[in-house]
N, C-alpha and C. Protein backbone atom coordinates (compact mmCIF):
# COMPACT_ATOMS: atom_id res chain seq x y z
N UNK A 1 -12.05 3.49 2.27
CA UNK A 1 -10.79 2.82 2.38
C UNK A 1 -9.77 3.82 2.94
N UNK A 2 -9.01 3.41 3.91
CA UNK A 2 -7.95 4.29 4.46
C UNK A 2 -6.65 3.57 4.33
N UNK A 3 -5.64 4.26 3.74
CA UNK A 3 -4.28 3.64 3.49
C UNK A 3 -3.36 4.38 4.51
N UNK A 4 -2.75 3.64 5.36
CA UNK A 4 -1.84 4.17 6.38
C UNK A 4 -0.48 3.47 6.34
N UNK A 5 0.60 4.26 6.34
CA UNK A 5 1.90 3.71 6.36
C UNK A 5 2.47 3.88 7.73
N UNK A 6 3.18 2.90 8.26
CA UNK A 6 3.73 2.94 9.57
C UNK A 6 5.21 3.49 9.47
N UNK A 7 5.77 3.71 8.33
CA UNK A 7 7.12 4.24 8.32
C UNK A 7 7.16 5.50 7.49
N UNK A 8 7.10 6.70 8.21
CA UNK A 8 7.08 7.95 7.52
C UNK A 8 8.46 8.30 6.87
N UNK A 9 8.45 9.12 5.82
CA UNK A 9 9.75 9.56 5.26
C UNK A 9 10.61 10.17 6.35
N UNK A 10 11.93 10.07 6.15
CA UNK A 10 12.94 10.58 7.11
C UNK A 10 12.80 12.06 7.47
N UNK A 11 12.25 12.91 6.50
CA UNK A 11 12.18 14.30 6.80
C UNK A 11 10.99 14.67 7.65
N UNK A 12 10.13 13.73 8.03
CA UNK A 12 8.95 13.97 8.85
C UNK A 12 9.29 13.57 10.28
N UNK A 13 8.71 14.23 11.23
CA UNK A 13 8.97 13.89 12.70
C UNK A 13 8.54 12.42 12.90
N UNK A 14 9.19 11.72 13.80
CA UNK A 14 8.86 10.38 14.14
C UNK A 14 7.53 10.34 14.83
N UNK A 15 6.72 9.39 14.60
CA UNK A 15 5.44 9.24 15.25
C UNK A 15 5.26 7.84 15.83
N UNK A 16 4.39 7.73 16.75
CA UNK A 16 4.14 6.46 17.38
C UNK A 16 3.39 5.60 16.37
N UNK A 17 3.76 4.33 16.17
CA UNK A 17 3.09 3.45 15.21
C UNK A 17 1.62 3.29 15.61
N UNK A 18 0.76 3.31 14.63
CA UNK A 18 -0.65 3.17 14.86
C UNK A 18 -0.98 1.70 15.24
N UNK A 19 -1.86 1.52 16.17
CA UNK A 19 -2.39 0.21 16.53
C UNK A 19 -3.80 0.13 15.88
N UNK A 20 -3.84 -0.35 14.68
CA UNK A 20 -5.10 -0.44 13.92
C UNK A 20 -5.88 -1.65 14.38
N UNK A 21 -7.10 -1.51 14.57
CA UNK A 21 -8.01 -2.57 14.86
C UNK A 21 -9.24 -2.47 13.97
N UNK A 22 -9.53 -3.53 13.19
CA UNK A 22 -10.68 -3.43 12.29
C UNK A 22 -12.02 -3.50 13.10
N UNK A 23 -12.93 -2.70 12.73
CA UNK A 23 -14.28 -2.66 13.35
C UNK A 23 -15.12 -3.68 12.76
N UNK A 24 -16.36 -3.75 13.16
CA UNK A 24 -17.33 -4.67 12.50
C UNK A 24 -17.49 -4.37 11.06
N UNK A 25 -17.35 -5.39 10.21
CA UNK A 25 -17.54 -5.22 8.75
C UNK A 25 -16.30 -4.66 8.10
N UNK A 26 -15.09 -4.66 8.79
CA UNK A 26 -13.85 -4.17 8.24
C UNK A 26 -12.77 -5.27 8.30
N UNK A 27 -11.78 -5.07 7.41
CA UNK A 27 -10.62 -5.97 7.50
C UNK A 27 -9.36 -5.05 7.52
N UNK A 28 -8.31 -5.66 8.08
CA UNK A 28 -6.97 -4.91 8.12
C UNK A 28 -6.06 -5.78 7.30
N UNK A 29 -5.71 -5.24 6.14
CA UNK A 29 -4.84 -5.92 5.19
C UNK A 29 -3.49 -5.21 5.14
N UNK A 30 -2.38 -5.95 4.80
CA UNK A 30 -1.10 -5.30 4.72
C UNK A 30 -0.43 -5.72 3.42
N UNK A 31 0.45 -4.82 2.89
CA UNK A 31 1.21 -5.10 1.76
C UNK A 31 2.62 -4.59 2.11
N UNK A 32 3.57 -4.88 1.18
CA UNK A 32 4.96 -4.41 1.33
C UNK A 32 5.55 -4.92 2.69
N UNK A 33 5.36 -6.21 2.94
CA UNK A 33 5.95 -6.76 4.08
C UNK A 33 5.31 -6.25 5.49
N UNK A 34 4.12 -5.74 5.33
CA UNK A 34 3.48 -5.13 6.54
C UNK A 34 3.80 -3.68 6.73
N UNK A 35 4.61 -3.09 5.87
CA UNK A 35 4.91 -1.66 5.97
C UNK A 35 3.80 -0.73 5.67
N UNK A 36 2.84 -1.19 4.90
CA UNK A 36 1.64 -0.44 4.58
C UNK A 36 0.43 -1.28 4.96
N UNK A 37 -0.46 -0.69 5.78
CA UNK A 37 -1.64 -1.34 6.14
C UNK A 37 -2.86 -0.70 5.55
N UNK A 38 -3.84 -1.45 5.22
CA UNK A 38 -5.08 -0.85 4.60
C UNK A 38 -6.25 -1.38 5.43
N UNK A 39 -7.00 -0.40 6.07
CA UNK A 39 -8.18 -0.74 6.81
C UNK A 39 -9.36 -0.40 5.80
N UNK A 40 -10.13 -1.51 5.47
CA UNK A 40 -11.17 -1.34 4.50
C UNK A 40 -12.39 -2.17 4.85
N UNK A 41 -13.50 -1.82 4.22
CA UNK A 41 -14.78 -2.50 4.44
C UNK A 41 -14.72 -3.80 3.77
N UNK A 42 -15.50 -4.78 4.33
CA UNK A 42 -15.53 -6.11 3.73
C UNK A 42 -16.47 -6.02 2.45
N UNK A 43 -17.40 -5.20 2.45
CA UNK A 43 -18.30 -5.16 1.24
C UNK A 43 -17.96 -3.86 0.45
N UNK A 44 -18.23 -3.89 -0.85
CA UNK A 44 -18.01 -2.74 -1.71
C UNK A 44 -16.63 -2.74 -2.33
N UNK A 45 -16.18 -1.69 -2.86
CA UNK A 45 -14.90 -1.51 -3.48
C UNK A 45 -13.79 -1.80 -2.54
N UNK A 46 -12.76 -2.58 -2.95
CA UNK A 46 -11.65 -2.90 -2.07
C UNK A 46 -10.33 -2.68 -2.83
N UNK A 47 -9.29 -2.41 -2.09
CA UNK A 47 -7.98 -2.23 -2.58
C UNK A 47 -7.47 -3.55 -3.10
N UNK A 48 -6.74 -3.60 -4.22
CA UNK A 48 -6.10 -4.81 -4.65
C UNK A 48 -4.63 -4.47 -5.09
N UNK A 49 -3.89 -5.53 -5.34
CA UNK A 49 -2.50 -5.27 -5.82
C UNK A 49 -2.44 -5.02 -7.29
N UNK A 50 -3.56 -5.17 -8.05
CA UNK A 50 -3.50 -5.00 -9.44
C UNK A 50 -2.87 -3.59 -9.93
N UNK A 51 -3.27 -2.44 -9.33
CA UNK A 51 -2.57 -1.21 -9.78
C UNK A 51 -1.10 -1.23 -9.51
N UNK A 52 -0.72 -1.77 -8.42
CA UNK A 52 0.78 -1.77 -8.06
C UNK A 52 1.55 -2.72 -9.07
N UNK A 53 0.94 -3.84 -9.44
CA UNK A 53 1.60 -4.73 -10.39
C UNK A 53 1.65 -4.09 -11.73
N UNK A 54 0.57 -3.38 -12.14
CA UNK A 54 0.58 -2.70 -13.47
C UNK A 54 1.57 -1.60 -13.49
N UNK A 55 1.74 -0.87 -12.42
CA UNK A 55 2.75 0.22 -12.39
C UNK A 55 4.11 -0.34 -12.49
N UNK A 56 4.39 -1.44 -11.75
CA UNK A 56 5.75 -2.01 -11.79
C UNK A 56 6.00 -2.59 -13.17
N UNK A 57 5.05 -3.16 -13.82
CA UNK A 57 5.21 -3.67 -15.21
C UNK A 57 5.52 -2.55 -16.15
N UNK A 58 4.83 -1.45 -16.03
CA UNK A 58 4.97 -0.25 -16.95
C UNK A 58 6.34 0.30 -16.64
N UNK A 59 6.81 0.37 -15.48
CA UNK A 59 8.12 0.90 -15.16
C UNK A 59 9.26 0.01 -15.73
N UNK A 60 9.16 -1.36 -15.56
CA UNK A 60 10.11 -2.23 -16.09
C UNK A 60 10.16 -2.22 -17.62
N UNK A 61 8.98 -2.32 -18.19
CA UNK A 61 8.87 -2.35 -19.61
C UNK A 61 9.34 -0.99 -20.25
N UNK A 62 9.02 0.12 -19.60
CA UNK A 62 9.44 1.41 -20.05
C UNK A 62 10.99 1.52 -20.10
N UNK A 63 11.61 0.98 -18.98
CA UNK A 63 13.04 0.99 -18.94
C UNK A 63 13.65 0.12 -20.02
N UNK A 64 13.06 -1.00 -20.28
CA UNK A 64 13.54 -1.92 -21.32
C UNK A 64 13.37 -1.29 -22.71
N UNK A 65 12.32 -0.54 -22.92
CA UNK A 65 12.19 0.15 -24.23
C UNK A 65 13.18 1.21 -24.42
N UNK A 66 13.56 1.89 -23.33
CA UNK A 66 14.58 2.98 -23.42
C UNK A 66 15.99 2.43 -23.40
N UNK A 67 16.10 1.13 -23.20
CA UNK A 67 17.45 0.57 -23.19
C UNK A 67 18.03 0.50 -21.80
N UNK A 68 17.26 0.75 -20.79
CA UNK A 68 17.76 0.72 -19.41
C UNK A 68 17.61 -0.52 -18.67
N UNK A 69 17.24 -1.59 -19.30
CA UNK A 69 17.07 -2.82 -18.51
C UNK A 69 16.90 -3.94 -19.41
């Protein structure tokens, strides 16, 4: 699995956006409104949104526990 972001942080030099094309047996998936693209194999372990959702939940619940939300 390769995770590539098309929008680098402001302190990095600007780069030409990548034109990713999935090869045989690969898919090109995107998250964050297309800002992050994931080129991954069709078979085997694959990226999912579960870790992102869990991290968001932990952040929101942690803030609520501390009185910040």
